[in-house]
Amino acid sequence: MKRRDFLSTAAVAAVSATTAGSAEAQMRKLGNRKESGRSAAETPRQFIELRTYRVAGAEKKAQLVECLDRATVPALNRMGIKPVGVFTVFEDAKKSDPGFANAVFLVIPHETPKSFIRLNARLLADKTYRKDSAAILDAPIAERAYEDCESALLYGFPTCPKIEIPTRSPDRIFQLRFYNSHNFERNAAKIAMFDVAGELKLFRETGIHPVFFGETLFGGLMPNLTYLVAADSPEAMDQSWAAFTRHPEWDKLKNDPAFAETATKILMAVVKPSPGSQI
């Protein structure tokens, strides 16, 4: 490994260890509470890259999605990276934050920090990818496919350590949510609420199926946790949320003072997969 790669990988690893440590400290602060979300054997946790592309309109969005499906997803698969998710905002959704209207989301799992750090260089070195992406990579500024791209690196929760594929329904729908906290202590408390106190477990029990849950190591809206959940259809998603909000355990959790003021801002995008999405 080159010294530059070693230092970059070490930096990401150090940040992930520090943030994971803050969550663990918050868990210990909860005392002798039953860790209802935990399993006895902890699975190695993935790093999950979430790219948010912002496009100028429907035509550019379609162009970008087609390129991601045809060129990027296969290229990542050739590197051994899978499953890869490509998503756009569901047009009929009224609950999505308006800021996501012209967004395209790309979800990329990484087993190591080095995989994340070296990804763009590996893609650009792939001749097939370069050829298949020529319409975007070789486009002049005036004809660019997207306005900008924000990349966030997440670290999977112990109770949802890797990307899951809970449904293959042709009508499947997803909710991508960002929970921003006003400081890192409250962010760690919200992670503990999901991961230790049992909120994520309650999601599973009421039919809100996790795809990923991650603490954001780098990205916007810091500090935050980000998650993606799925249902077989929009109707199934609404039914599951109704069951969740009626559950007595949720009533206990949301009124627990240990988890007060854990979210300053919650943003959501209701999204659907592209034809080439593997999630």
C-alpha atoms as a PDB file:
ATOM      1  CA  MET A   1       0.000   0.000   0.000  1.00  0.00           C
ATOM      2  CA  LYS A   2       1.275   3.487  -0.887  1.00  0.00           C
ATOM      3  CA  ARG A   3       2.005   5.801   2.027  1.00  0.00           C
ATOM      4  CA  ARG A   4      -0.705   8.235   0.866  1.00  0.00           C
ATOM      5  CA  ASP A   5      -3.305   5.447   0.764  1.00  0.00           C
ATOM      6  CA  PHE A   6      -2.174   4.166   4.146  1.00  0.00           C
ATOM      7  CA  LEU A   7      -2.563   7.593   5.768  1.00  0.00           C
ATOM      8  CA  SER A   8      -5.980   8.172   4.182  1.00  0.00           C
ATOM      9  CA  THR A   9      -7.204   4.735   5.231  1.00  0.00           C
ATOM     10  CA  ALA A  10      -5.859   5.264   8.725  1.00  0.00           C
ATOM     11  CA  ALA A  11      -7.676   8.599   8.952  1.00  0.00           C
ATOM     12  CA  VAL A  12     -11.035   7.067   7.994  1.00  0.00           C
ATOM     13  CA  ALA A  13     -10.481   4.175  10.380  1.00  0.00           C
ATOM     14  CA  ALA A  14      -9.644   6.592  13.195  1.00  0.00           C
ATOM     15  CA  VAL A  15     -12.809   8.609  12.621  1.00  0.00           C
ATOM     16  CA  SER A  16     -14.974   5.479  12.497  1.00  0.00           C
ATOM     17  CA  ALA A  17     -13.415   4.214  15.730  1.00  0.00           C
ATOM     18  CA  THR A  18     -13.977   7.576  17.428  1.00  0.00           C
ATOM     19  CA  THR A  19     -17.612   7.903  16.358  1.00  0.00           C
ATOM     20  CA  ALA A  20     -18.354   4.284  17.175  1.00  0.00           C
ATOM     21  CA  GLY A  21     -16.745   4.879  20.562  1.00  0.00           C
ATOM     22  CA  SER A  22     -19.030   7.837  21.247  1.00  0.00           C
ATOM     23  CA  ALA A  23     -22.059   5.687  20.521  1.00  0.00           C
ATOM     24  CA  GLU A  24     -20.711   2.918  22.759  1.00  0.00           C
ATOM     25  CA  ALA A  25     -20.173   5.470  25.533  1.00  0.00           C
ATOM     26  CA  GLN A  26     -23.775   6.575  25.180  1.00  0.00           C
ATOM     27  CA  MET A  27     -24.877   2.941  25.371  1.00  0.00           C
ATOM     28  CA  ARG A  28     -22.960   2.485  28.627  1.00  0.00           C
ATOM     29  CA  LYS A  29     -24.610   5.650  29.929  1.00  0.00           C
ATOM     30  CA  LEU A  30     -27.948   3.886  29.571  1.00  0.00           C
ATOM     31  CA  GLY A  31     -26.863   1.629  32.410  1.00  0.00           C
ATOM     32  CA  ASN A  32     -28.411  -1.791  32.802  1.00  0.00           C
ATOM     33  CA  ARG A  33     -31.112  -1.405  30.168  1.00  0.00           C
ATOM     34  CA  LYS A  34     -31.807  -4.517  28.176  1.00  0.00           C
ATOM     35  CA  GLU A  35     -30.061  -4.268  24.817  1.00  0.00           C
ATOM     36  CA  SER A  36     -33.153  -5.348  22.889  1.00  0.00           C
ATOM     37  CA  GLY A  37     -31.694  -4.632  19.470  1.00  0.00           C
ATOM     38  CA  ARG A  38     -28.389  -6.471  19.847  1.00  0.00           C
ATOM     39  CA  SER A  39     -27.388  -9.965  18.813  1.00  0.00           C
ATOM     40  CA  ALA A  40     -24.814 -12.029  20.662  1.00  0.00           C
ATOM     41  CA  ALA A  41     -22.328 -12.230  17.768  1.00  0.00           C
ATOM     42  CA  GLU A  42     -21.550  -8.931  16.051  1.00  0.00           C
ATOM     43  CA  THR A  43     -21.159  -9.049  12.255  1.00  0.00           C
ATOM     44  CA  PRO A  44     -18.415  -6.871  10.708  1.00  0.00           C
ATOM     45  CA  ARG A  45     -19.920  -3.520   9.765  1.00  0.00           C
ATOM     46  CA  GLN A  46     -19.834  -2.062   6.267  1.00  0.00           C
ATOM     47  CA  PHE A  47     -18.942   1.440   5.250  1.00  0.00           C
ATOM     48  CA  ILE A  48     -21.768   2.750   3.073  1.00  0.00           C
ATOM     49  CA  GLU A  49     -21.230   5.542   0.584  1.00  0.00           C
ATOM     50  CA  LEU A  50     -24.260   7.657  -0.255  1.00  0.00           C
ATOM     51  CA  ARG A  51     -23.856   9.922  -3.264  1.00  0.00           C
ATOM     52  CA  THR A  52     -26.444  12.612  -3.914  1.00  0.00           C
ATOM     53  CA  TYR A  53     -26.389  14.013  -7.436  1.00  0.00           C
ATOM     54  CA  ARG A  54     -28.350  17.201  -8.136  1.00  0.00           C
ATOM     55  CA  VAL A  55     -29.591  17.625 -11.684  1.00  0.00           C
ATOM     56  CA  ALA A  56     -31.133  20.527 -13.616  1.00  0.00           C
ATOM     57  CA  GLY A  57     -34.325  18.782 -14.702  1.00  0.00           C
ATOM     58  CA  ALA A  58     -36.110  15.623 -15.837  1.00  0.00           C
ATOM     59  CA  GLU A  59     -34.071  15.187 -19.039  1.00  0.00           C
ATOM     60  CA  LYS A  60     -30.739  15.387 -17.227  1.00  0.00           C
ATOM     61  CA  LYS A  61     -32.043  13.109 -14.478  1.00  0.00           C
ATOM     62  CA  ALA A  62     -32.970  10.449 -17.031  1.00  0.00           C
ATOM     63  CA  GLN A  63     -29.563  10.757 -18.698  1.00  0.00           C
ATOM     64  CA  LEU A  64     -27.716  10.361 -15.403  1.00  0.00           C
ATOM     65  CA  VAL A  65     -29.811   7.394 -14.235  1.00  0.00           C
ATOM     66  CA  GLU A  66     -29.310   5.632 -17.556  1.00  0.00           C
ATOM     67  CA  CYS A  67     -25.539   6.094 -17.250  1.00  0.00           C
ATOM     68  CA  LEU A  68     -25.443   4.889 -13.648  1.00  0.00           C
ATOM     69  CA  ASP A  69     -27.476   1.802 -14.583  1.00  0.00           C
ATOM     70  CA  ARG A  70     -25.545   0.970 -17.744  1.00  0.00           C
ATOM     71  CA  ALA A  71     -22.008   1.964 -16.784  1.00  0.00           C
ATOM     72  CA  THR A  72     -21.482   2.594 -13.058  1.00  0.00           C
ATOM     73  CA  VAL A  73     -23.338  -0.348 -11.534  1.00  0.00           C
ATOM     74  CA  PRO A  74     -21.608  -2.944 -13.805  1.00  0.00           C
ATOM     75  CA  ALA A  75     -18.215  -1.308 -13.208  1.00  0.00           C
ATOM     76  CA  LEU A  76     -18.668  -1.477  -9.439  1.00  0.00           C
ATOM     77  CA  ASN A  77     -19.755  -5.102  -9.741  1.00  0.00           C
ATOM     78  CA  ARG A  78     -16.549  -5.864 -11.663  1.00  0.00           C
ATOM     79  CA  MET A  79     -14.671  -4.562  -8.619  1.00  0.00           C
ATOM     80  CA  GLY A  80     -16.628  -6.947  -6.409  1.00  0.00           C
ATOM     81  CA  ILE A  81     -18.826  -4.160  -5.004  1.00  0.00           C
ATOM     82  CA  LYS A  82     -22.478  -5.162  -4.727  1.00  0.00           C
ATOM     83  CA  PRO A  83     -25.379  -4.640  -4.278  1.00  0.00           C
ATOM     84  CA  VAL A  84     -25.451  -1.114  -5.676  1.00  0.00           C
ATOM     85  CA  GLY A  85     -28.576   1.022  -5.383  1.00  0.00           C
ATOM     86  CA  VAL A  86     -29.757   3.791  -7.732  1.00  0.00           C
ATOM     87  CA  PHE A  87     -32.792   5.834  -6.654  1.00  0.00           C
ATOM     88  CA  THR A  88     -34.884   8.812  -7.693  1.00  0.00           C
ATOM     89  CA  VAL A  89     -37.654  10.601  -5.807  1.00  0.00           C
ATOM     90  CA  PHE A  90     -41.077   8.980  -6.146  1.00  0.00           C
ATOM     91  CA  GLU A  91     -43.171  11.516  -8.067  1.00  0.00           C
ATOM     92  CA  ASP A  92     -46.410  10.840  -6.160  1.00  0.00           C
ATOM     93  CA  ALA A  93     -44.811  11.274  -2.748  1.00  0.00           C
ATOM     94  CA  LYS A  94     -46.024  14.332  -0.842  1.00  0.00           C
ATOM     95  CA  LYS A  95     -43.722  13.757   2.132  1.00  0.00           C
ATOM     96  CA  SER A  96     -40.345  14.224   0.425  1.00  0.00           C
ATOM     97  CA  ASP A  97     -38.357  17.309   1.314  1.00  0.00           C
ATOM     98  CA  PRO A  98     -38.573  19.736  -1.656  1.00  0.00           C
ATOM     99  CA  GLY A  99     -34.786  19.980  -1.757  1.00  0.00           C
ATOM    100  CA  PHE A 100     -34.606  16.402  -3.044  1.00  0.00           C
ATOM    101  CA  ALA A 101     -36.926  16.917  -6.019  1.00  0.00           C
ATOM    102  CA  ASN A 102     -34.096  16.871  -8.572  1.00  0.00           C
ATOM    103  CA  ALA A 103     -31.817  14.415  -6.776  1.00  0.00           C
ATOM    104  CA  VAL A 104     -30.438  11.047  -7.839  1.00  0.00           C
ATOM    105  CA  PHE A 105     -29.055   8.807  -5.088  1.00  0.00           C
ATOM    106  CA  LEU A 106     -26.327   6.186  -5.477  1.00  0.00           C
ATOM    107  CA  VAL A 107     -25.720   3.681  -2.646  1.00  0.00           C
ATOM    108  CA  ILE A 108     -22.347   1.895  -2.635  1.00  0.00           C
ATOM    109  CA  PRO A 109     -21.237  -0.609   0.042  1.00  0.00           C
ATOM    110  CA  HIS A 110     -17.560  -0.790   1.024  1.00  0.00           C
ATOM    111  CA  GLU A 111     -15.930  -3.472   3.132  1.00  0.00           C
ATOM    112  CA  THR A 112     -12.903  -1.284   3.935  1.00  0.00           C
ATOM    113  CA  PRO A 113     -12.041   2.433   4.028  1.00  0.00           C
ATOM    114  CA  LYS A 114      -9.532   1.876   1.232  1.00  0.00           C
ATOM    115  CA  SER A 115     -12.337   0.761  -1.079  1.00  0.00           C
ATOM    116  CA  PHE A 116     -14.035   4.129  -0.580  1.00  0.00           C
ATOM    117  CA  ILE A 117     -10.852   6.163  -0.934  1.00  0.00           C
ATOM    118  CA  ARG A 118      -9.702   4.532  -4.152  1.00  0.00           C
ATOM    119  CA  LEU A 119     -13.085   4.184  -5.845  1.00  0.00           C
ATOM    120  CA  ASN A 120     -13.009   7.134  -8.250  1.00  0.00           C
ATOM    121  CA  ALA A 121      -9.474   6.361  -9.380  1.00  0.00           C
ATOM    122  CA  ARG A 122     -10.424   2.738 -10.044  1.00  0.00           C
ATOM    123  CA  LEU A 123     -13.498   3.767 -12.020  1.00  0.00           C
ATOM    124  CA  LEU A 124     -11.534   6.170 -14.206  1.00  0.00           C
ATOM    125  CA  ALA A 125      -8.940   3.465 -14.858  1.00  0.00           C
ATOM    126  CA  ASP A 126     -11.661   1.104 -16.121  1.00  0.00           C
ATOM    127  CA  LYS A 127     -11.696   1.418 -19.935  1.00  0.00           C
ATOM    128  CA  THR A 128     -15.142  -0.133 -20.267  1.00  0.00           C
ATOM    129  CA  TYR A 129     -16.547   2.282 -17.728  1.00  0.00           C
ATOM    130  CA  ARG A 130     -14.916   5.218 -19.502  1.00  0.00           C
ATOM    131  CA  LYS A 131     -16.431   4.135 -22.792  1.00  0.00           C
ATOM    132  CA  ASP A 132     -19.906   3.471 -21.391  1.00  0.00           C
ATOM    133  CA  SER A 133     -19.897   6.788 -19.482  1.00  0.00           C
ATOM    134  CA  ALA A 134     -18.547   8.899 -22.336  1.00  0.00           C
ATOM    135  CA  ALA A 135     -21.784  10.872 -22.713  1.00  0.00           C
ATOM    136  CA  ILE A 136     -21.267  12.206 -19.189  1.00  0.00           C
ATOM    137  CA  LEU A 137     -17.498  12.130 -18.700  1.00  0.00           C
ATOM    138  CA  ASP A 138     -16.759  13.817 -22.025  1.00  0.00           C
ATOM    139  CA  ALA A 139     -19.626  16.318 -21.916  1.00  0.00           C
ATOM    140  CA  PRO A 140     -18.724  20.043 -21.949  1.00  0.00           C
ATOM    141  CA  ILE A 141     -19.725  22.194 -18.991  1.00  0.00           C
ATOM    142  CA  ALA A 142     -22.758  23.606 -20.774  1.00  0.00           C
ATOM    143  CA  GLU A 143     -24.116  20.087 -21.346  1.00  0.00           C
ATOM    144  CA  ARG A 144     -23.171  18.522 -18.012  1.00  0.00           C
ATOM    145  CA  ALA A 145     -25.420  15.776 -16.669  1.00  0.00           C
ATOM    146  CA  TYR A 146     -25.505  17.018 -13.058  1.00  0.00           C
ATOM    147  CA  GLU A 147     -24.871  20.255 -11.214  1.00  0.00           C
ATOM    148  CA  ASP A 148     -22.939  18.774  -8.285  1.00  0.00           C
ATOM    149  CA  CYS A 149     -22.474  15.623  -6.256  1.00  0.00           C
ATOM    150  CA  GLU A 150     -22.298  15.309  -2.468  1.00  0.00           C
ATOM    151  CA  SER A 151     -20.773  12.157  -1.022  1.00  0.00           C
ATOM    152  CA  ALA A 152     -21.309  10.925   2.537  1.00  0.00           C
ATOM    153  CA  LEU A 153     -19.609   7.961   4.208  1.00  0.00           C
ATOM    154  CA  LEU A 154     -21.685   6.031   6.735  1.00  0.00           C
ATOM    155  CA  TYR A 155     -20.737   3.318   9.208  1.00  0.00           C
ATOM    156  CA  GLY A 156     -23.327   0.561   9.597  1.00  0.00           C
ATOM    157  CA  PHE A 157     -25.067  -0.008  12.928  1.00  0.00           C
ATOM    158  CA  PRO A 158     -24.252  -3.234  14.821  1.00  0.00           C
ATOM    159  CA  THR A 159     -27.909  -4.321  14.498  1.00  0.00           C
ATOM    160  CA  CYS A 160     -27.886  -3.553  10.763  1.00  0.00           C
ATOM    161  CA  PRO A 161     -24.213  -3.962   9.873  1.00  0.00           C
ATOM    162  CA  LYS A 162     -24.572  -4.588   6.133  1.00  0.00           C
ATOM    163  CA  ILE A 163     -26.903  -3.609   3.332  1.00  0.00           C
ATOM    164  CA  GLU A 164     -30.003  -5.796   3.300  1.00  0.00           C
ATOM    165  CA  ILE A 165     -32.414  -6.472   0.417  1.00  0.00           C
ATOM    166  CA  PRO A 166     -35.763  -7.044   2.138  1.00  0.00           C
ATOM    167  CA  THR A 167     -37.995  -6.974  -0.948  1.00  0.00           C
ATOM    168  CA  ARG A 168     -37.898  -7.501  -4.711  1.00  0.00           C
ATOM    169  CA  SER A 169     -41.488  -6.407  -5.259  1.00  0.00           C
ATOM    170  CA  PRO A 170     -41.938  -4.518  -8.550  1.00  0.00           C
ATOM    171  CA  ASP A 171     -43.905  -1.910  -6.594  1.00  0.00           C
ATOM    172  CA  ARG A 172     -41.345  -1.555  -3.809  1.00  0.00           C
ATOM    173  CA  ILE A 173     -40.838   1.862  -2.285  1.00  0.00           C
ATOM    174  CA  PHE A 174     -38.146   3.273  -0.017  1.00  0.00           C
ATOM    175  CA  GLN A 175     -37.754   6.065   2.501  1.00  0.00           C
ATOM    176  CA  LEU A 176     -34.360   7.712   2.872  1.00  0.00           C
ATOM    177  CA  ARG A 177     -34.139   9.655   6.128  1.00  0.00           C
ATOM    178  CA  PHE A 178     -31.511  11.951   7.643  1.00  0.00           C
ATOM    179  CA  TYR A 179     -31.581  12.632  11.405  1.00  0.00           C
ATOM    180  CA  ASN A 180     -29.498  15.697  12.226  1.00  0.00           C
ATOM    181  CA  SER A 181     -28.647  16.372  15.896  1.00  0.00           C
ATOM    182  CA  HIS A 182     -27.454  19.602  17.479  1.00  0.00           C
ATOM    183  CA  ASN A 183     -24.340  17.940  18.944  1.00  0.00           C
ATOM    184  CA  PHE A 184     -22.483  14.634  18.830  1.00  0.00           C
ATOM    185  CA  GLU A 185     -23.692  13.518  22.269  1.00  0.00           C
ATOM    186  CA  ARG A 186     -27.343  13.734  21.176  1.00  0.00           C
ATOM    187  CA  ASN A 187     -26.470  12.030  17.904  1.00  0.00           C
ATOM    188  CA  ALA A 188     -24.927   9.157  19.875  1.00  0.00           C
ATOM    189  CA  ALA A 189     -28.097   9.026  22.003  1.00  0.00           C
ATOM    190  CA  LYS A 190     -30.296   8.705  18.912  1.00  0.00           C
ATOM    191  CA  ILE A 191     -28.069   5.916  17.580  1.00  0.00           C
ATOM    192  CA  ALA A 192     -28.401   4.158  20.944  1.00  0.00           C
ATOM    193  CA  MET A 193     -32.171   4.609  20.783  1.00  0.00           C
ATOM    194  CA  PHE A 194     -32.224   2.694  17.503  1.00  0.00           C
ATOM    195  CA  ASP A 195     -29.445   0.213  18.132  1.00  0.00           C
ATOM    196  CA  VAL A 196     -29.667  -0.621  21.845  1.00  0.00           C
ATOM    197  CA  ALA A 197     -33.042   0.478  23.170  1.00  0.00           C
ATOM    198  CA  GLY A 198     -34.850  -1.336  20.378  1.00  0.00           C
ATOM    199  CA  GLU A 199     -36.300   1.190  17.923  1.00  0.00           C
ATOM    200  CA  LEU A 200     -34.693  -0.576  14.957  1.00  0.00           C
ATOM    201  CA  LYS A 201     -35.944  -3.932  16.241  1.00  0.00           C
ATOM    202  CA  LEU A 202     -39.420  -2.417  16.462  1.00  0.00           C
ATOM    203  CA  PHE A 203     -39.103  -1.293  12.839  1.00  0.00           C
ATOM    204  CA  ARG A 204     -38.549  -4.889  11.801  1.00  0.00           C
ATOM    205  CA  GLU A 205     -41.458  -6.163  13.880  1.00  0.00           C
ATOM    206  CA  THR A 206     -43.918  -3.696  12.339  1.00  0.00           C
ATOM    207  CA  GLY A 207     -42.863  -4.263   8.717  1.00  0.00           C
ATOM    208  CA  ILE A 208     -40.572  -1.271   8.200  1.00  0.00           C
ATOM    209  CA  HIS A 209     -37.711  -3.215   6.594  1.00  0.00           C
ATOM    210  CA  PRO A 210     -34.166  -1.839   7.008  1.00  0.00           C
ATOM    211  CA  VAL A 211     -31.876  -1.616   3.987  1.00  0.00           C
ATOM    212  CA  PHE A 212     -29.158   0.215   5.902  1.00  0.00           C
ATOM    213  CA  PHE A 213     -28.711   2.270   9.057  1.00  0.00           C
ATOM    214  CA  GLY A 214     -25.492   4.241   9.345  1.00  0.00           C
ATOM    215  CA  GLU A 215     -23.745   6.867  11.421  1.00  0.00           C
ATOM    216  CA  THR A 216     -22.358   9.550   9.109  1.00  0.00           C
ATOM    217  CA  LEU A 217     -18.581   9.799   9.345  1.00  0.00           C
ATOM    218  CA  PHE A 218     -18.187  12.411   6.603  1.00  0.00           C
ATOM    219  CA  GLY A 219     -20.847  14.403   4.779  1.00  0.00           C
ATOM    220  CA  GLY A 220     -23.462  17.100   5.203  1.00  0.00           C
ATOM    221  CA  LEU A 221     -25.873  17.802   8.073  1.00  0.00           C
ATOM    222  CA  MET A 222     -23.291  16.727  10.618  1.00  0.00           C
ATOM    223  CA  PRO A 223     -23.733  15.159  13.060  1.00  0.00           C
ATOM    224  CA  ASN A 224     -26.330  12.784  11.740  1.00  0.00           C
ATOM    225  CA  LEU A 225     -27.469   9.250  11.213  1.00  0.00           C
ATOM    226  CA  THR A 226     -28.954   8.189   7.895  1.00  0.00           C
ATOM    227  CA  TYR A 227     -31.137   5.224   7.063  1.00  0.00           C
ATOM    228  CA  LEU A 228     -32.982   3.623   4.163  1.00  0.00           C
ATOM    229  CA  VAL A 229     -36.052   1.453   4.736  1.00  0.00           C
ATOM    230  CA  ALA A 230     -38.247  -0.454   2.283  1.00  0.00           C
ATOM    231  CA  ALA A 231     -41.759  -1.827   1.817  1.00  0.00           C
ATOM    232  CA  ASP A 232     -43.435  -3.877  -0.911  1.00  0.00           C
ATOM    233  CA  SER A 233     -45.604  -0.918  -1.979  1.00  0.00           C
ATOM    234  CA  PRO A 234     -46.530   2.620  -0.924  1.00  0.00           C
ATOM    235  CA  GLU A 235     -49.646   1.226   0.744  1.00  0.00           C
ATOM    236  CA  ALA A 236     -47.597  -1.326   2.689  1.00  0.00           C
ATOM    237  CA  MET A 237     -45.230   1.432   3.832  1.00  0.00           C
ATOM    238  CA  ASP A 238     -48.127   3.523   5.167  1.00  0.00           C
ATOM    239  CA  GLN A 239     -49.600   0.506   6.963  1.00  0.00           C
ATOM    240  CA  SER A 240     -46.280  -0.344   8.592  1.00  0.00           C
ATOM    241  CA  TRP A 241     -45.727   3.189   9.835  1.00  0.00           C
ATOM    242  CA  ALA A 242     -49.250   3.216  11.263  1.00  0.00           C
ATOM    243  CA  ALA A 243     -48.511  -0.040  13.126  1.00  0.00           C
ATOM    244  CA  PHE A 244     -45.223   1.402  14.396  1.00  0.00           C
ATOM    245  CA  THR A 245     -46.718   4.631  15.729  1.00  0.00           C
ATOM    246  CA  ARG A 246     -49.494   2.694  17.522  1.00  0.00           C
ATOM    247  CA  HIS A 247     -47.088   0.260  19.181  1.00  0.00           C
ATOM    248  CA  PRO A 248     -46.861   0.691  22.973  1.00  0.00           C
ATOM    249  CA  GLU A 249     -43.093   0.198  22.915  1.00  0.00           C
ATOM    250  CA  TRP A 250     -42.719   3.213  20.628  1.00  0.00           C
ATOM    251  CA  ASP A 251     -44.760   5.275  23.052  1.00  0.00           C
ATOM    252  CA  LYS A 252     -42.329   4.334  25.825  1.00  0.00           C
ATOM    253  CA  LEU A 253     -39.253   5.080  23.721  1.00  0.00           C
ATOM    254  CA  LYS A 254     -40.336   8.487  22.448  1.00  0.00           C
ATOM    255  CA  ASN A 255     -41.174   9.610  25.991  1.00  0.00           C
ATOM    256  CA  ASP A 256     -37.941   8.327  27.551  1.00  0.00           C
ATOM    257  CA  PRO A 257     -35.966  11.365  28.841  1.00  0.00           C
ATOM    258  CA  ALA A 258     -32.691   9.650  27.911  1.00  0.00           C
ATOM    259  CA  PHE A 259     -33.591  10.227  24.260  1.00  0.00           C
ATOM    260  CA  ALA A 260     -35.017  13.735  24.500  1.00  0.00           C
ATOM    261  CA  GLU A 261     -33.986  16.314  21.890  1.00  0.00           C
ATOM    262  CA  THR A 262     -31.994  13.859  19.806  1.00  0.00           C
ATOM    263  CA  ALA A 263     -33.095  15.190  16.399  1.00  0.00           C
ATOM    264  CA  THR A 264     -32.871  18.862  15.464  1.00  0.00           C
ATOM    265  CA  LYS A 265     -33.883  18.250  11.870  1.00  0.00           C
ATOM    266  CA  ILE A 266     -35.299  15.239  10.018  1.00  0.00           C
ATOM    267  CA  LEU A 267     -35.214  15.219   6.218  1.00  0.00           C
ATOM    268  CA  MET A 268     -36.841  12.532   4.088  1.00  0.00           C
ATOM    269  CA  ALA A 269     -36.949  11.479   0.457  1.00  0.00           C
ATOM    270  CA  VAL A 270     -39.465   8.857  -0.658  1.00  0.00           C
ATOM    271  CA  VAL A 271     -37.588   7.107  -3.445  1.00  0.00           C
ATOM    272  CA  LYS A 272     -38.010   4.388  -6.039  1.00  0.00           C
ATOM    273  CA  PRO A 273     -35.295   2.199  -7.589  1.00  0.00           C
ATOM    274  CA  SER A 274     -34.049   2.684 -11.134  1.00  0.00           C
ATOM    275  CA  PRO A 275     -34.386  -0.211 -13.621  1.00  0.00           C
ATOM    276  CA  GLY A 276     -30.749  -1.138 -12.998  1.00  0.00           C
ATOM    277  CA  SER A 277     -30.749  -0.784  -9.218  1.00  0.00           C
ATOM    278  CA  GLN A 278     -29.705  -3.926  -7.340  1.00  0.00           C
ATOM    279  CA  ILE A 279     -31.563  -2.854  -4.179  1.00  0.00           C
END
